């Protein structure tokens, strides 16, 4: 059975920071292909996207592709740009409701601990300190409400990032090739259970 995989999200879906090989969706798709699965990938991610941008600019196109697997990673730009947690959760809920109509399993990643990113040392800590957890709580709540498959990038990042100095690219904000590889590897077990019948 071939997999029609649609990725929604921000610059991490696009692969900003990687020297080659794209973001985590490309790397995830290539891992599934190594498992012998024919995978077609439609990557709708956009640099700088917030949750509202995903809802207004990506969801309709995602539904139109008739996916059999959907991934969503969004929220970091909402934190930096001051979206309220309430607005974030409402828009995420709308996205989940709309995508559920496709019947495809939806895999969401929560937000990595950006307090550990090199760029965090260069910006006022009020921009992110104490803000990541409420956003991740909102993601968990929406995942629970709609039966989505949540991959806990936040907890994993707390272990991964300190042990891997090359997790981030030279901009100190986006993952590097190594970082995206780790991210795809983290998602793989969950995704495998959904596409391997």
N, C-alpha and C. Protein backbone atom coordinates (compact mmCIF):
# COMPACT_ATOMS: atom_id res chain seq x y z
N UNK A 1 0.84 -1.19 0.00
CA UNK A 1 0.00 0.00 0.00
C UNK A 1 0.88 1.25 0.00
N UNK A 2 0.61 2.15 -0.92
CA UNK A 2 1.45 3.36 -0.98
C UNK A 2 0.93 4.38 0.03
N UNK A 3 1.85 5.19 0.52
CA UNK A 3 1.54 6.20 1.53
C UNK A 3 1.54 7.57 0.88
N UNK A 4 0.42 8.28 1.03
CA UNK A 4 0.35 9.66 0.57
C UNK A 4 0.53 10.56 1.80
N UNK A 5 1.76 11.03 1.99
CA UNK A 5 2.15 11.75 3.21
C UNK A 5 2.13 13.25 2.93
N UNK A 6 1.39 13.98 3.75
CA UNK A 6 1.35 15.44 3.65
C UNK A 6 1.90 16.04 4.94
N UNK A 7 2.88 16.92 4.79
CA UNK A 7 3.49 17.58 5.95
C UNK A 7 3.04 19.04 6.00
N UNK A 8 2.58 19.47 7.17
CA UNK A 8 2.19 20.86 7.38
C UNK A 8 3.07 21.44 8.48
N UNK A 9 3.29 22.74 8.40
CA UNK A 9 4.07 23.35 9.47
C UNK A 9 4.89 24.53 9.04
N UNK A 10 6.02 24.72 9.73
CA UNK A 10 6.83 25.93 9.58
C UNK A 10 8.17 25.60 8.92
N UNK A 11 9.18 26.39 9.21
CA UNK A 11 10.50 26.23 8.57
C UNK A 11 11.15 24.88 8.88
N UNK A 12 10.74 24.22 9.97
CA UNK A 12 11.33 22.92 10.28
C UNK A 12 10.81 21.85 9.32
N UNK A 13 9.60 22.05 8.81
CA UNK A 13 9.09 21.15 7.76
C UNK A 13 9.83 21.42 6.45
N UNK A 14 10.11 22.71 6.19
CA UNK A 14 10.84 23.10 4.98
C UNK A 14 12.28 22.60 5.02
N UNK A 15 12.88 22.64 6.22
CA UNK A 15 14.26 22.20 6.37
C UNK A 15 15.26 23.33 6.42
N UNK A 16 14.81 24.52 6.83
CA UNK A 16 15.74 25.65 6.98
C UNK A 16 16.80 25.26 8.01
N UNK A 17 18.05 25.51 7.68
CA UNK A 17 19.16 25.14 8.57
C UNK A 17 19.91 23.91 8.10
N UNK A 18 19.24 23.10 7.27
CA UNK A 18 19.89 21.88 6.76
C UNK A 18 20.76 22.21 5.56
N UNK A 19 21.90 21.55 5.46
CA UNK A 19 22.77 21.75 4.29
C UNK A 19 22.22 20.98 3.10
N UNK A 20 21.59 19.84 3.40
CA UNK A 20 21.01 19.02 2.33
C UNK A 20 19.95 18.11 2.95
N UNK A 21 19.10 17.58 2.11
CA UNK A 21 18.16 16.55 2.59
C UNK A 21 16.88 17.04 3.20
N UNK A 22 16.66 18.37 3.26
CA UNK A 22 15.39 18.89 3.74
C UNK A 22 15.19 18.79 5.23
N UNK A 23 13.94 19.02 5.66
CA UNK A 23 13.59 18.98 7.08
C UNK A 23 13.20 17.57 7.51
N UNK A 24 12.49 17.49 8.64
CA UNK A 24 12.16 16.15 9.14
C UNK A 24 11.19 15.37 8.24
N UNK A 25 10.26 16.02 7.48
CA UNK A 25 9.36 15.21 6.64
C UNK A 25 10.10 14.41 5.57
N UNK A 26 11.05 15.05 4.88
CA UNK A 26 11.82 14.33 3.85
C UNK A 26 12.57 13.15 4.45
N UNK A 27 13.14 13.39 5.62
CA UNK A 27 13.96 12.36 6.27
C UNK A 27 13.09 11.21 6.78
N UNK A 28 11.89 11.57 7.23
CA UNK A 28 10.94 10.55 7.67
C UNK A 28 10.47 9.72 6.47
N UNK A 29 10.16 10.39 5.37
CA UNK A 29 9.71 9.69 4.15
C UNK A 29 10.80 8.74 3.66
N UNK A 30 12.06 9.19 3.69
CA UNK A 30 13.14 8.33 3.19
C UNK A 30 13.34 7.11 4.10
N UNK A 31 13.10 7.28 5.40
CA UNK A 31 13.18 6.12 6.30
C UNK A 31 12.08 5.11 5.99
N UNK A 32 10.89 5.60 5.71
CA UNK A 32 9.78 4.70 5.38
C UNK A 32 10.04 3.98 4.06
N UNK A 33 10.65 4.70 3.13
CA UNK A 33 11.00 4.06 1.84
C UNK A 33 12.03 2.95 2.05
N UNK A 34 12.95 3.18 2.98
CA UNK A 34 13.94 2.14 3.30
C UNK A 34 13.27 0.90 3.87
N UNK A 35 12.11 1.11 4.51
CA UNK A 35 11.31 -0.02 5.02
C UNK A 35 10.56 -0.72 3.89
N UNK A 36 10.71 -0.20 2.67
CA UNK A 36 10.05 -0.83 1.52
C UNK A 36 8.68 -0.27 1.20
N UNK A 37 8.31 0.85 1.84
CA UNK A 37 7.01 1.46 1.57
C UNK A 37 7.12 2.51 0.46
N UNK A 38 6.23 2.46 -0.55
CA UNK A 38 6.22 3.55 -1.52
C UNK A 38 5.58 4.78 -0.87
N UNK A 39 6.32 5.85 -0.76
CA UNK A 39 5.83 7.06 -0.08
C UNK A 39 5.89 8.24 -1.03
N UNK A 40 4.74 8.89 -1.21
CA UNK A 40 4.71 10.17 -1.92
C UNK A 40 4.58 11.27 -0.89
N UNK A 41 5.44 12.28 -0.97
CA UNK A 41 5.42 13.37 0.03
C UNK A 41 5.00 14.69 -0.61
N UNK A 42 3.99 15.30 -0.01
CA UNK A 42 3.61 16.67 -0.35
C UNK A 42 3.94 17.53 0.86
N UNK A 43 4.95 18.38 0.73
CA UNK A 43 5.39 19.19 1.86
C UNK A 43 4.84 20.60 1.70
N UNK A 44 3.88 20.96 2.56
CA UNK A 44 3.23 22.27 2.48
C UNK A 44 3.81 23.26 3.49
N UNK A 45 4.84 22.85 4.22
CA UNK A 45 5.44 23.72 5.23
C UNK A 45 5.92 25.04 4.64
N UNK A 46 5.85 26.10 5.45
CA UNK A 46 6.30 27.43 5.01
C UNK A 46 7.11 28.08 6.12
N UNK A 47 8.24 28.66 5.74
CA UNK A 47 9.07 29.37 6.72
C UNK A 47 8.27 30.48 7.37
N UNK A 48 8.41 30.58 8.68
CA UNK A 48 7.75 31.67 9.41
C UNK A 48 6.29 31.41 9.74
N UNK A 49 5.75 30.26 9.32
CA UNK A 49 4.33 29.99 9.53
C UNK A 49 3.98 29.91 11.01
N UNK A 50 2.87 30.58 11.33
CA UNK A 50 2.25 30.42 12.63
C UNK A 50 1.04 29.51 12.46
N UNK A 51 0.39 29.17 13.57
CA UNK A 51 -0.74 28.24 13.50
C UNK A 51 -1.85 28.80 12.61
N UNK A 52 -2.08 30.10 12.64
CA UNK A 52 -3.11 30.70 11.80
C UNK A 52 -2.77 30.55 10.32
N UNK A 53 -1.48 30.66 9.98
CA UNK A 53 -1.03 30.50 8.59
C UNK A 53 -1.26 29.07 8.11
N UNK A 54 -1.03 28.11 9.01
CA UNK A 54 -1.27 26.72 8.65
C UNK A 54 -2.76 26.52 8.35
N UNK A 55 -3.59 27.12 9.20
CA UNK A 55 -5.04 26.95 9.02
C UNK A 55 -5.52 27.61 7.73
N UNK A 56 -5.06 28.82 7.47
CA UNK A 56 -5.57 29.55 6.30
C UNK A 56 -4.86 29.17 5.00
N UNK A 57 -3.60 28.73 5.08
CA UNK A 57 -2.84 28.53 3.85
C UNK A 57 -2.45 27.10 3.50
N UNK A 58 -2.58 26.16 4.45
CA UNK A 58 -2.08 24.81 4.19
C UNK A 58 -3.14 23.72 4.29
N UNK A 59 -4.11 23.91 5.18
CA UNK A 59 -5.06 22.84 5.48
C UNK A 59 -5.92 22.45 4.28
N UNK A 60 -6.44 23.45 3.57
CA UNK A 60 -7.30 23.16 2.42
C UNK A 60 -6.55 22.34 1.37
N UNK A 61 -5.30 22.74 1.12
CA UNK A 61 -4.48 22.02 0.14
C UNK A 61 -4.17 20.61 0.63
N UNK A 62 -3.96 20.48 1.93
CA UNK A 62 -3.69 19.15 2.50
C UNK A 62 -4.88 18.22 2.29
N UNK A 63 -6.06 18.72 2.58
CA UNK A 63 -7.29 17.92 2.43
C UNK A 63 -7.47 17.50 0.97
N UNK A 64 -7.17 18.42 0.05
CA UNK A 64 -7.34 18.15 -1.38
C UNK A 64 -6.44 17.04 -1.90
N UNK A 65 -5.31 16.80 -1.22
CA UNK A 65 -4.39 15.74 -1.69
C UNK A 65 -4.84 14.34 -1.29
N UNK A 66 -5.91 14.25 -0.49
CA UNK A 66 -6.41 12.96 0.01
C UNK A 66 -5.29 12.14 0.66
N UNK A 67 -4.71 12.69 1.72
CA UNK A 67 -3.57 12.03 2.36
C UNK A 67 -3.95 10.74 3.09
N UNK A 68 -2.95 9.88 3.27
CA UNK A 68 -3.14 8.72 4.15
C UNK A 68 -2.28 8.86 5.41
N UNK A 69 -1.49 9.92 5.46
CA UNK A 69 -0.68 10.25 6.64
C UNK A 69 -0.43 11.75 6.64
N UNK A 70 -0.63 12.39 7.79
CA UNK A 70 -0.41 13.84 7.91
C UNK A 70 0.48 14.10 9.12
N UNK A 71 1.46 15.00 8.96
CA UNK A 71 2.23 15.44 10.14
C UNK A 71 2.10 16.95 10.27
N UNK A 72 2.17 17.40 11.51
CA UNK A 72 2.05 18.83 11.80
C UNK A 72 3.02 19.20 12.90
N UNK A 73 3.84 20.20 12.64
CA UNK A 73 4.73 20.76 13.64
C UNK A 73 4.65 22.27 13.55
N UNK A 74 4.09 22.91 14.56
CA UNK A 74 3.93 24.37 14.53
C UNK A 74 3.90 24.89 15.95
N UNK A 75 4.25 26.16 16.12
CA UNK A 75 4.15 26.76 17.46
C UNK A 75 5.32 27.64 17.84
N UNK A 76 6.51 27.31 17.33
CA UNK A 76 7.68 28.09 17.72
C UNK A 76 7.53 29.56 17.31
N UNK A 77 7.05 29.80 16.09
CA UNK A 77 6.87 31.18 15.64
C UNK A 77 5.77 31.89 16.42
N UNK A 78 4.77 31.11 16.85
CA UNK A 78 3.71 31.71 17.67
C UNK A 78 4.27 32.20 19.00
N UNK A 79 5.18 31.41 19.57
CA UNK A 79 5.79 31.81 20.85
C UNK A 79 6.61 33.09 20.68
N UNK A 80 7.48 33.11 19.67
CA UNK A 80 8.35 34.28 19.47
C UNK A 80 7.55 35.52 19.10
N UNK A 81 6.42 35.32 18.42
CA UNK A 81 5.69 36.49 17.90
C UNK A 81 4.47 36.85 18.72
N UNK A 82 4.32 36.21 19.87
CA UNK A 82 3.32 36.69 20.82
C UNK A 82 1.88 36.27 20.61
N UNK A 83 1.65 35.17 19.89
CA UNK A 83 0.28 34.63 19.80
C UNK A 83 -0.14 34.21 21.21
N UNK A 84 -1.39 34.46 21.58
CA UNK A 84 -1.84 34.00 22.90
C UNK A 84 -2.07 32.50 22.85
N UNK A 85 -1.92 31.85 24.01
CA UNK A 85 -2.11 30.40 24.08
C UNK A 85 -3.54 30.04 23.68
N UNK A 86 -4.51 30.90 24.07
CA UNK A 86 -5.92 30.63 23.76
C UNK A 86 -6.16 30.64 22.26
N UNK A 87 -5.62 31.66 21.59
CA UNK A 87 -5.76 31.74 20.12
C UNK A 87 -5.09 30.55 19.46
N UNK A 88 -3.92 30.22 19.95
CA UNK A 88 -3.16 29.10 19.40
C UNK A 88 -3.98 27.81 19.49
N UNK A 89 -4.54 27.56 20.68
CA UNK A 89 -5.30 26.33 20.88
C UNK A 89 -6.55 26.30 20.01
N UNK A 90 -7.22 27.44 19.88
CA UNK A 90 -8.43 27.50 19.04
C UNK A 90 -8.11 27.17 17.59
N UNK A 91 -7.05 27.76 17.07
CA UNK A 91 -6.67 27.51 15.67
C UNK A 91 -6.21 26.06 15.48
N UNK A 92 -5.47 25.55 16.45
CA UNK A 92 -5.01 24.17 16.37
C UNK A 92 -6.21 23.21 16.37
N UNK A 93 -7.20 23.53 17.17
CA UNK A 93 -8.42 22.74 17.24
C UNK A 93 -9.14 22.73 15.88
N UNK A 94 -9.18 23.91 15.25
CA UNK A 94 -9.80 24.01 13.92
C UNK A 94 -9.06 23.15 12.90
N UNK A 95 -7.73 23.21 12.96
CA UNK A 95 -6.90 22.42 12.04
C UNK A 95 -7.17 20.93 12.24
N UNK A 96 -7.17 20.50 13.50
CA UNK A 96 -7.39 19.08 13.82
C UNK A 96 -8.75 18.62 13.34
N UNK A 97 -9.78 19.44 13.57
CA UNK A 97 -11.14 19.06 13.15
C UNK A 97 -11.23 18.89 11.64
N UNK A 98 -10.60 19.81 10.93
CA UNK A 98 -10.65 19.79 9.46
C UNK A 98 -9.86 18.59 8.91
N UNK A 99 -8.69 18.34 9.48
CA UNK A 99 -7.85 17.25 8.97
C UNK A 99 -8.41 15.87 9.32
N UNK A 100 -9.14 15.80 10.43
CA UNK A 100 -9.73 14.52 10.82
C UNK A 100 -10.72 14.02 9.77
N UNK A 101 -11.31 14.97 9.05
CA UNK A 101 -12.28 14.59 8.02
C UNK A 101 -11.63 13.80 6.88
N UNK A 102 -10.31 13.85 6.75
CA UNK A 102 -9.63 13.10 5.70
C UNK A 102 -9.56 11.61 6.04
N UNK A 103 -9.70 11.31 7.34
CA UNK A 103 -9.58 9.92 7.79
C UNK A 103 -8.13 9.47 7.95
N UNK A 104 -7.19 10.35 7.59
CA UNK A 104 -5.77 10.01 7.71
C UNK A 104 -5.30 10.21 9.14
N UNK A 105 -4.40 9.36 9.64
CA UNK A 105 -3.84 9.61 10.98
C UNK A 105 -3.01 10.89 10.96
N UNK A 106 -3.14 11.67 12.02
CA UNK A 106 -2.41 12.93 12.14
C UNK A 106 -1.39 12.82 13.26
N UNK A 107 -0.13 13.00 12.90
CA UNK A 107 0.97 12.94 13.87
C UNK A 107 1.44 14.36 14.13
N UNK A 108 1.40 14.75 15.40
CA UNK A 108 1.84 16.09 15.78
C UNK A 108 3.10 16.01 16.62
N UNK A 109 3.99 16.99 16.42
CA UNK A 109 5.11 17.11 17.35
C UNK A 109 4.88 18.36 18.18
N UNK A 110 5.24 18.30 19.44
CA UNK A 110 5.16 19.52 20.24
C UNK A 110 6.43 20.34 20.05
N UNK A 111 6.59 21.39 20.83
CA UNK A 111 7.65 22.37 20.60
C UNK A 111 8.90 22.00 21.40
N UNK A 112 10.04 21.98 20.70
CA UNK A 112 11.31 21.68 21.37
C UNK A 112 11.61 22.74 22.43
N UNK A 113 12.47 22.40 23.37
CA UNK A 113 12.83 23.35 24.42
C UNK A 113 13.81 24.38 23.85
N UNK A 114 13.23 25.46 23.29
CA UNK A 114 14.05 26.48 22.63
C UNK A 114 14.89 27.28 23.60
N UNK A 115 14.65 27.12 24.90
CA UNK A 115 15.51 27.77 25.89
C UNK A 115 16.93 27.20 25.81
N UNK A 116 17.06 26.02 25.21
CA UNK A 116 18.38 25.38 25.06
C UNK A 116 19.07 25.77 23.75
N UNK A 117 18.36 26.48 22.89
CA UNK A 117 18.95 26.87 21.59
C UNK A 117 19.96 28.00 21.80
N UNK A 118 21.04 28.00 21.02
CA UNK A 118 22.03 29.08 21.15
C UNK A 118 21.42 30.48 21.02
N UNK A 119 20.41 30.63 20.15
CA UNK A 119 19.80 31.95 19.95
C UNK A 119 19.13 32.47 21.22
N UNK A 120 18.73 31.55 22.11
CA UNK A 120 18.04 31.96 23.33
C UNK A 120 18.92 32.88 24.19
N UNK A 121 20.23 32.72 24.05
CA UNK A 121 21.15 33.57 24.84
C UNK A 121 21.18 35.00 24.31
N UNK A 122 20.68 35.19 23.08
CA UNK A 122 20.78 36.50 22.43
C UNK A 122 19.49 37.32 22.50
N UNK A 123 18.42 36.71 22.99
CA UNK A 123 17.13 37.43 23.04
C UNK A 123 16.65 37.50 24.49
N UNK A 124 15.76 38.46 24.79
CA UNK A 124 15.24 38.55 26.17
C UNK A 124 14.54 37.25 26.56
N UNK A 125 14.85 36.75 27.74
CA UNK A 125 14.30 35.46 28.15
C UNK A 125 12.78 35.49 28.27
N UNK A 126 12.19 36.68 28.42
CA UNK A 126 10.73 36.80 28.51
C UNK A 126 10.05 36.32 27.22
N UNK A 127 10.79 36.28 26.12
CA UNK A 127 10.22 35.84 24.84
C UNK A 127 9.83 34.37 24.86
N UNK A 128 10.55 33.58 25.66
CA UNK A 128 10.25 32.15 25.62
C UNK A 128 10.12 31.52 27.01
N UNK A 129 10.72 32.14 28.04
CA UNK A 129 10.75 31.50 29.35
C UNK A 129 9.33 31.37 29.91
N UNK A 130 8.98 30.16 30.28
CA UNK A 130 7.64 29.92 30.83
C UNK A 130 6.55 29.94 29.79
N UNK A 131 6.92 30.12 28.51
CA UNK A 131 5.89 30.17 27.46
C UNK A 131 5.78 28.85 26.69
N UNK A 132 6.85 28.08 26.66
CA UNK A 132 6.83 26.84 25.86
C UNK A 132 5.87 25.82 26.48
N UNK A 133 5.92 25.68 27.79
CA UNK A 133 5.09 24.67 28.47
C UNK A 133 3.59 24.89 28.24
N UNK A 134 3.05 26.12 28.39
CA UNK A 134 1.62 26.31 28.13
C UNK A 134 1.22 25.99 26.68
N UNK A 135 2.10 26.30 25.74
CA UNK A 135 1.81 25.97 24.34
C UNK A 135 1.79 24.45 24.15
N UNK A 136 2.75 23.78 24.77
CA UNK A 136 2.78 22.32 24.67
C UNK A 136 1.59 21.68 25.37
N UNK A 137 1.12 22.31 26.44
CA UNK A 137 -0.08 21.82 27.13
C UNK A 137 -1.30 21.95 26.20
N UNK A 138 -1.34 23.04 25.44
CA UNK A 138 -2.43 23.25 24.47
C UNK A 138 -2.38 22.20 23.36
N UNK A 139 -1.17 21.89 22.89
CA UNK A 139 -0.99 20.86 21.86
C UNK A 139 -1.46 19.51 22.39
N UNK A 140 -1.07 19.19 23.63
CA UNK A 140 -1.47 17.92 24.25
C UNK A 140 -2.98 17.83 24.40
N UNK A 141 -3.60 18.94 24.77
CA UNK A 141 -5.05 18.99 24.96
C UNK A 141 -5.79 18.73 23.64
N UNK A 142 -5.34 19.37 22.56
CA UNK A 142 -5.96 19.18 21.24
C UNK A 142 -5.72 17.74 20.76
N UNK A 143 -4.53 17.23 20.98
CA UNK A 143 -4.23 15.84 20.59
C UNK A 143 -5.15 14.87 21.30
N UNK A 144 -5.34 15.09 22.61
CA UNK A 144 -6.23 14.23 23.40
C UNK A 144 -7.67 14.32 22.89
N UNK A 145 -8.12 15.54 22.68
CA UNK A 145 -9.52 15.76 22.28
C UNK A 145 -9.85 15.11 20.94
N UNK A 146 -8.87 15.04 20.05
CA UNK A 146 -9.15 14.54 18.69
C UNK A 146 -8.49 13.20 18.38
N UNK A 147 -7.87 12.59 19.39
CA UNK A 147 -7.24 11.29 19.17
C UNK A 147 -6.06 11.35 18.21
N UNK A 148 -5.28 12.43 18.30
CA UNK A 148 -4.12 12.57 17.43
C UNK A 148 -2.91 11.88 18.07
N UNK A 149 -1.91 11.61 17.25
CA UNK A 149 -0.71 10.91 17.72
C UNK A 149 0.37 11.95 18.02
N UNK A 150 0.67 12.13 19.29
CA UNK A 150 1.60 13.19 19.70
C UNK A 150 2.99 12.62 19.96
N UNK A 151 3.98 13.20 19.29
CA UNK A 151 5.38 12.83 19.52
C UNK A 151 5.99 13.93 20.38
N UNK A 152 6.57 13.52 21.50
CA UNK A 152 7.05 14.47 22.50
C UNK A 152 8.48 14.95 22.21
N UNK A 153 8.57 15.90 21.30
CA UNK A 153 9.87 16.47 20.93
C UNK A 153 10.44 17.28 22.10
N UNK A 154 9.56 17.88 22.90
CA UNK A 154 10.01 18.72 24.01
C UNK A 154 10.87 17.93 24.99
N UNK A 155 10.32 16.81 25.49
CA UNK A 155 11.08 15.99 26.45
C UNK A 155 12.35 15.45 25.82
N UNK A 156 12.23 14.98 24.56
CA UNK A 156 13.40 14.43 23.87
C UNK A 156 14.47 15.50 23.68
N UNK A 157 14.04 16.72 23.38
CA UNK A 157 15.02 17.79 23.12
C UNK A 157 15.82 18.14 24.37
N UNK A 158 15.20 18.00 25.53
CA UNK A 158 15.91 18.29 26.79
C UNK A 158 17.09 17.33 26.98
N UNK A 159 16.95 16.11 26.45
CA UNK A 159 18.05 15.14 26.51
C UNK A 159 18.99 15.31 25.32
N UNK A 160 18.38 15.43 24.14
CA UNK A 160 19.15 15.46 22.89
C UNK A 160 20.08 16.66 22.79
N UNK A 161 19.51 17.84 23.01
CA UNK A 161 20.25 19.07 22.70
C UNK A 161 21.53 19.21 23.52
N UNK A 162 21.46 19.03 24.86
CA UNK A 162 22.71 19.17 25.63
C UNK A 162 23.79 18.15 25.24
N UNK A 163 23.36 16.96 24.79
CA UNK A 163 24.34 15.91 24.43
C UNK A 163 24.88 16.08 23.02
N UNK A 164 24.17 16.85 22.20
CA UNK A 164 24.57 16.97 20.79
C UNK A 164 24.77 18.43 20.42
N UNK A 165 26.00 18.91 20.53
CA UNK A 165 26.27 20.32 20.25
C UNK A 165 25.93 20.72 18.81
N UNK A 166 25.82 19.72 17.93
CA UNK A 166 25.53 20.04 16.52
C UNK A 166 24.06 19.91 16.17
N UNK A 167 23.19 19.86 17.18
CA UNK A 167 21.75 19.74 16.92
C UNK A 167 21.24 20.95 16.12
N UNK A 168 21.79 22.13 16.43
CA UNK A 168 21.35 23.36 15.75
C UNK A 168 22.29 23.74 14.62
N UNK A 169 21.73 24.40 13.61
CA UNK A 169 22.54 24.89 12.49
C UNK A 169 23.28 26.15 12.92
N UNK A 170 24.04 26.71 12.00
CA UNK A 170 24.86 27.89 12.32
C UNK A 170 24.03 29.10 12.76
N UNK A 171 22.71 29.13 12.44
CA UNK A 171 21.90 30.28 12.88
C UNK A 171 21.50 30.18 14.35
N UNK A 172 21.78 29.03 14.98
CA UNK A 172 21.50 28.87 16.40
C UNK A 172 20.02 28.75 16.73
N UNK A 173 19.18 28.60 15.70
CA UNK A 173 17.73 28.58 15.90
C UNK A 173 17.10 27.35 15.23
N UNK A 174 17.47 27.11 13.97
CA UNK A 174 16.93 25.96 13.25
C UNK A 174 17.83 24.74 13.44
N UNK A 175 17.25 23.55 13.38
CA UNK A 175 18.08 22.36 13.47
C UNK A 175 19.07 22.26 12.30
N UNK A 176 20.13 21.52 12.52
CA UNK A 176 21.10 21.19 11.47
C UNK A 176 20.64 19.89 10.81
N UNK A 177 21.42 19.39 9.85
CA UNK A 177 21.13 18.07 9.28
C UNK A 177 21.02 17.03 10.40
N UNK A 178 21.98 17.09 11.32
CA UNK A 178 22.00 16.13 12.43
C UNK A 178 20.73 16.27 13.29
N UNK A 179 20.35 17.52 13.54
CA UNK A 179 19.14 17.78 14.34
C UNK A 179 17.88 17.23 13.67
N UNK A 180 17.76 17.46 12.36
CA UNK A 180 16.59 16.94 11.63
C UNK A 180 16.58 15.41 11.57
N UNK A 181 17.77 14.82 11.49
CA UNK A 181 17.86 13.35 11.50
C UNK A 181 17.33 12.80 12.83
N UNK A 182 17.74 13.44 13.92
CA UNK A 182 17.29 13.02 15.25
C UNK A 182 15.77 13.16 15.37
N UNK A 183 15.26 14.26 14.82
CA UNK A 183 13.84 14.57 14.87
C UNK A 183 13.04 13.50 14.12
N UNK A 184 13.49 13.16 12.91
CA UNK A 184 12.81 12.14 12.10
C UNK A 184 12.87 10.78 12.80
N UNK A 185 14.01 10.49 13.39
CA UNK A 185 14.20 9.22 14.10
C UNK A 185 13.23 9.11 15.27
N UNK A 186 13.00 10.23 15.93
CA UNK A 186 12.08 10.28 17.07
C UNK A 186 10.64 10.00 16.63
N UNK A 187 10.27 10.50 15.45
CA UNK A 187 8.90 10.33 14.95
C UNK A 187 8.66 8.95 14.35
N UNK A 188 9.73 8.31 13.90
CA UNK A 188 9.61 7.09 13.12
C UNK A 188 8.80 5.97 13.78
N UNK A 189 9.04 5.62 15.05
CA UNK A 189 8.29 4.50 15.64
C UNK A 189 6.77 4.75 15.62
N UNK A 190 6.35 5.97 15.93
CA UNK A 190 4.92 6.30 15.92
C UNK A 190 4.37 6.19 14.51
N UNK A 191 5.08 6.78 13.55
CA UNK A 191 4.61 6.78 12.16
C UNK A 191 4.56 5.37 11.61
N UNK A 192 5.56 4.57 11.91
CA UNK A 192 5.58 3.17 11.43
C UNK A 192 4.32 2.43 11.83
N UNK A 193 3.92 2.59 13.07
CA UNK A 193 2.72 1.85 13.54
C UNK A 193 1.46 2.27 12.77
N UNK A 194 1.48 3.48 12.21
CA UNK A 194 0.28 4.00 11.52
C UNK A 194 0.23 3.63 10.05
N UNK A 195 1.40 3.39 9.46
CA UNK A 195 1.41 3.13 8.01
C UNK A 195 1.71 1.68 7.66
N UNK A 196 2.30 0.92 8.57
CA UNK A 196 2.60 -0.48 8.29
C UNK A 196 1.43 -1.31 8.81
N UNK A 197 0.70 -1.83 7.90
CA UNK A 197 -0.49 -2.62 8.27
C UNK A 197 -0.17 -4.11 8.27
